[in-house]
N, C-alpha and C. Protein backbone atom coordinates (compact mmCIF):
# COMPACT_ATOMS: atom_id res chain seq x y z
N MET A 1 -19.02 -17.12 -32.62
CA MET A 1 -17.85 -17.05 -31.86
C MET A 1 -17.41 -18.60 -31.70
N SER A 2 -16.16 -18.84 -31.94
CA SER A 2 -15.88 -20.36 -31.94
C SER A 2 -15.69 -20.54 -30.50
N LEU A 3 -15.58 -22.43 -29.96
CA LEU A 3 -14.90 -22.24 -28.82
C LEU A 3 -13.42 -21.93 -28.60
N SER A 4 -12.46 -21.76 -28.94
CA SER A 4 -11.20 -21.24 -29.17
C SER A 4 -11.40 -20.04 -28.72
N GLU A 5 -12.24 -19.01 -29.40
CA GLU A 5 -12.42 -17.92 -29.21
C GLU A 5 -12.87 -17.53 -27.83
N ARG A 6 -13.76 -18.10 -27.46
CA ARG A 6 -14.46 -18.03 -26.28
C ARG A 6 -13.44 -18.18 -24.74
N VAL A 7 -12.62 -19.63 -24.99
CA VAL A 7 -11.89 -19.62 -24.32
C VAL A 7 -10.63 -18.73 -24.39
N TRP A 8 -10.16 -18.08 -24.84
CA TRP A 8 -9.19 -17.03 -25.56
C TRP A 8 -9.64 -15.55 -24.12
N TRP A 9 -10.79 -15.77 -25.05
CA TRP A 9 -11.59 -14.26 -24.21
C TRP A 9 -11.62 -14.61 -22.92
N LEU A 10 -12.39 -15.68 -22.30
CA LEU A 10 -12.22 -16.14 -20.75
C LEU A 10 -11.27 -15.91 -20.20
N LEU A 11 -9.71 -16.61 -20.92
CA LEU A 11 -8.72 -16.31 -20.29
C LEU A 11 -8.17 -14.94 -19.77
N THR A 12 -8.28 -14.30 -21.26
CA THR A 12 -7.81 -12.62 -21.10
C THR A 12 -9.06 -11.99 -20.27
N PHE A 13 -9.91 -12.33 -19.95
CA PHE A 13 -10.98 -11.31 -18.97
C PHE A 13 -10.44 -11.90 -17.71
N GLY A 14 -10.22 -13.05 -17.51
CA GLY A 14 -10.22 -13.62 -16.27
C GLY A 14 -8.52 -12.95 -15.76
N SER A 15 -7.45 -13.12 -16.64
CA SER A 15 -6.42 -12.25 -16.22
C SER A 15 -6.30 -11.00 -16.08
N VAL A 16 -7.11 -10.15 -17.22
CA VAL A 16 -7.10 -8.57 -16.58
C VAL A 16 -7.77 -8.54 -15.16
N GLY A 17 -8.90 -9.26 -14.99
CA GLY A 17 -9.68 -9.14 -13.54
C GLY A 17 -8.73 -9.48 -12.68
N TRP A 18 -7.84 -10.68 -12.60
CA TRP A 18 -7.22 -10.87 -11.56
C TRP A 18 -6.27 -9.90 -11.20
N TYR A 19 -5.30 -9.41 -12.51
CA TYR A 19 -4.49 -8.06 -11.99
C TYR A 19 -5.24 -7.09 -11.35
N LEU A 20 -6.51 -6.88 -11.97
CA LEU A 20 -7.21 -5.53 -11.00
C LEU A 20 -7.31 -6.00 -9.70
N THR A 21 -7.70 -7.07 -9.27
CA THR A 21 -7.97 -7.57 -8.15
C THR A 21 -6.46 -7.36 -7.44
N VAL A 22 -5.70 -7.50 -7.63
CA VAL A 22 -4.26 -8.30 -7.34
C VAL A 22 -3.73 -6.26 -6.78
N THR A 23 -4.19 -5.64 -8.24
CA THR A 23 -3.53 -4.32 -8.02
C THR A 23 -4.25 -3.32 -6.99
N ILE A 24 -5.40 -3.51 -6.88
CA ILE A 24 -6.15 -2.71 -5.94
C ILE A 24 -6.08 -3.14 -4.25
N TYR A 25 -5.53 -4.29 -4.72
CA TYR A 25 -5.76 -4.87 -2.80
C TYR A 25 -4.36 -4.28 -2.43
N VAL A 26 -2.89 -4.91 -3.40
CA VAL A 26 -1.76 -4.40 -2.91
C VAL A 26 -1.91 -2.64 -2.43
N SER A 27 -2.65 -1.79 -3.39
CA SER A 27 -2.61 -0.52 -3.11
C SER A 27 -3.34 -0.18 -1.73
N VAL A 28 -4.07 -0.74 -1.57
CA VAL A 28 -4.94 -0.53 -0.46
C VAL A 28 -4.43 -1.05 1.06
N ARG A 29 -3.87 -1.94 0.86
CA ARG A 29 -2.79 -2.49 2.01
C ARG A 29 -1.48 -1.73 2.28
N GLY A 30 -0.93 -1.27 0.98
CA GLY A 30 0.41 -0.39 1.38
C GLY A 30 0.05 1.13 1.58
N ALA A 31 -1.34 1.55 1.33
CA ALA A 31 -1.58 2.79 1.89
C ALA A 31 -1.83 2.63 3.20
N PHE A 32 -2.49 1.50 3.71
CA PHE A 32 -2.54 1.30 5.37
C PHE A 32 -1.03 1.14 5.97
N ASP A 33 -0.44 0.63 5.02
CA ASP A 33 0.85 0.77 5.89
C ASP A 33 1.52 1.79 5.98
N ILE A 34 1.86 2.52 5.15
CA ILE A 34 2.13 3.72 5.02
C ILE A 34 1.53 4.39 6.14
N ARG A 35 0.19 4.65 6.29
CA ARG A 35 -0.05 5.48 7.22
C ARG A 35 0.48 5.03 8.63
N HIS A 36 0.18 3.58 9.04
CA HIS A 36 0.72 3.11 9.87
C HIS A 36 2.42 3.61 10.64
N MET A 37 3.23 3.02 9.31
CA MET A 37 4.83 3.50 9.57
C MET A 37 5.05 4.99 9.78
N LEU A 38 3.85 5.81 9.14
CA LEU A 38 3.81 7.11 9.03
C LEU A 38 4.17 7.78 10.87
N ARG A 39 2.43 7.24 11.34
CA ARG A 39 1.80 7.39 12.84
C ARG A 39 3.14 6.84 13.46
N ARG A 40 3.57 5.80 13.61
CA ARG A 40 4.81 5.17 14.40
C ARG A 40 5.70 5.92 14.16
N LEU A 41 6.50 6.75 13.42
CA LEU A 41 7.27 7.55 13.32
C LEU A 41 7.51 8.72 13.56
N ASP A 42 6.15 9.19 13.57
CA ASP A 42 5.59 10.49 14.48
C ASP A 42 5.86 10.33 15.75
N GLU A 43 5.14 9.25 16.15
CA GLU A 43 5.19 8.74 17.90
C GLU A 43 6.64 8.67 18.21
N GLN A 44 7.45 8.27 17.58
CA GLN A 44 9.25 7.86 18.20
C GLN A 44 9.78 9.42 18.27
N HIS A 45 9.55 10.03 16.77
CA HIS A 45 10.06 11.49 17.01
C HIS A 45 9.62 12.39 18.41
N SER A 46 8.08 12.42 18.41
CA SER A 46 7.81 12.77 19.73
C SER A 46 8.38 12.61 20.84
N ASN A 47 8.42 10.98 20.87
CA ASN A 47 9.11 10.73 22.56
C ASN A 47 10.48 11.21 22.42
N THR A 48 11.61 10.93 21.07
CA THR A 48 12.29 11.91 21.39
C THR A 48 12.77 13.26 22.06
N MET A 49 11.69 13.99 21.20
CA MET A 49 11.59 15.37 22.00
C MET A 49 11.05 15.72 22.99
N VAL A 50 10.59 14.77 23.69
CA VAL A 50 10.26 15.01 25.01
C VAL A 50 11.51 14.57 25.87
N GLU A 51 12.36 13.40 25.46
CA GLU A 51 13.35 12.82 26.36
C GLU A 51 14.29 13.99 26.24
N LYS A 52 14.69 14.17 25.36
CA LYS A 52 15.90 14.92 24.90
C LYS A 52 15.78 16.73 24.70
N PRO A 53 15.53 17.46 25.69
CA PRO A 53 14.80 18.83 25.48
C PRO A 53 16.26 19.94 24.22
N GLN A 54 15.85 20.48 23.86
CA GLN A 54 16.69 21.20 23.02
C GLN A 54 17.54 22.08 23.39
N GLU A 55 19.35 22.22 23.44
CA GLU A 55 19.99 23.11 24.47
C GLU A 55 19.75 24.51 23.46
N PRO A 56 20.07 25.39 24.74
CA PRO A 56 20.12 26.71 24.16
C PRO A 56 21.08 27.08 23.04
N ASN A 57 20.75 27.94 22.29
CA ASN A 57 21.74 28.30 21.37
C ASN A 57 22.84 29.31 22.22
N ALA A 58 24.17 29.11 21.80
CA ALA A 58 25.02 30.12 22.53
C ALA A 58 25.36 30.91 21.32
């Protein structure tokens, strides 16, 4: 294998490794952000239900 082939293999595997690292990082952070958002929305929904009781049906 020549030097130029080794360089291209290194660049290829480095790029794929970087892409996988960024993809995994964004996926994990996104999952935590979505979980936090859903928890906050649930708390807000619970607070509005306590402050504003439902009116009886007429």
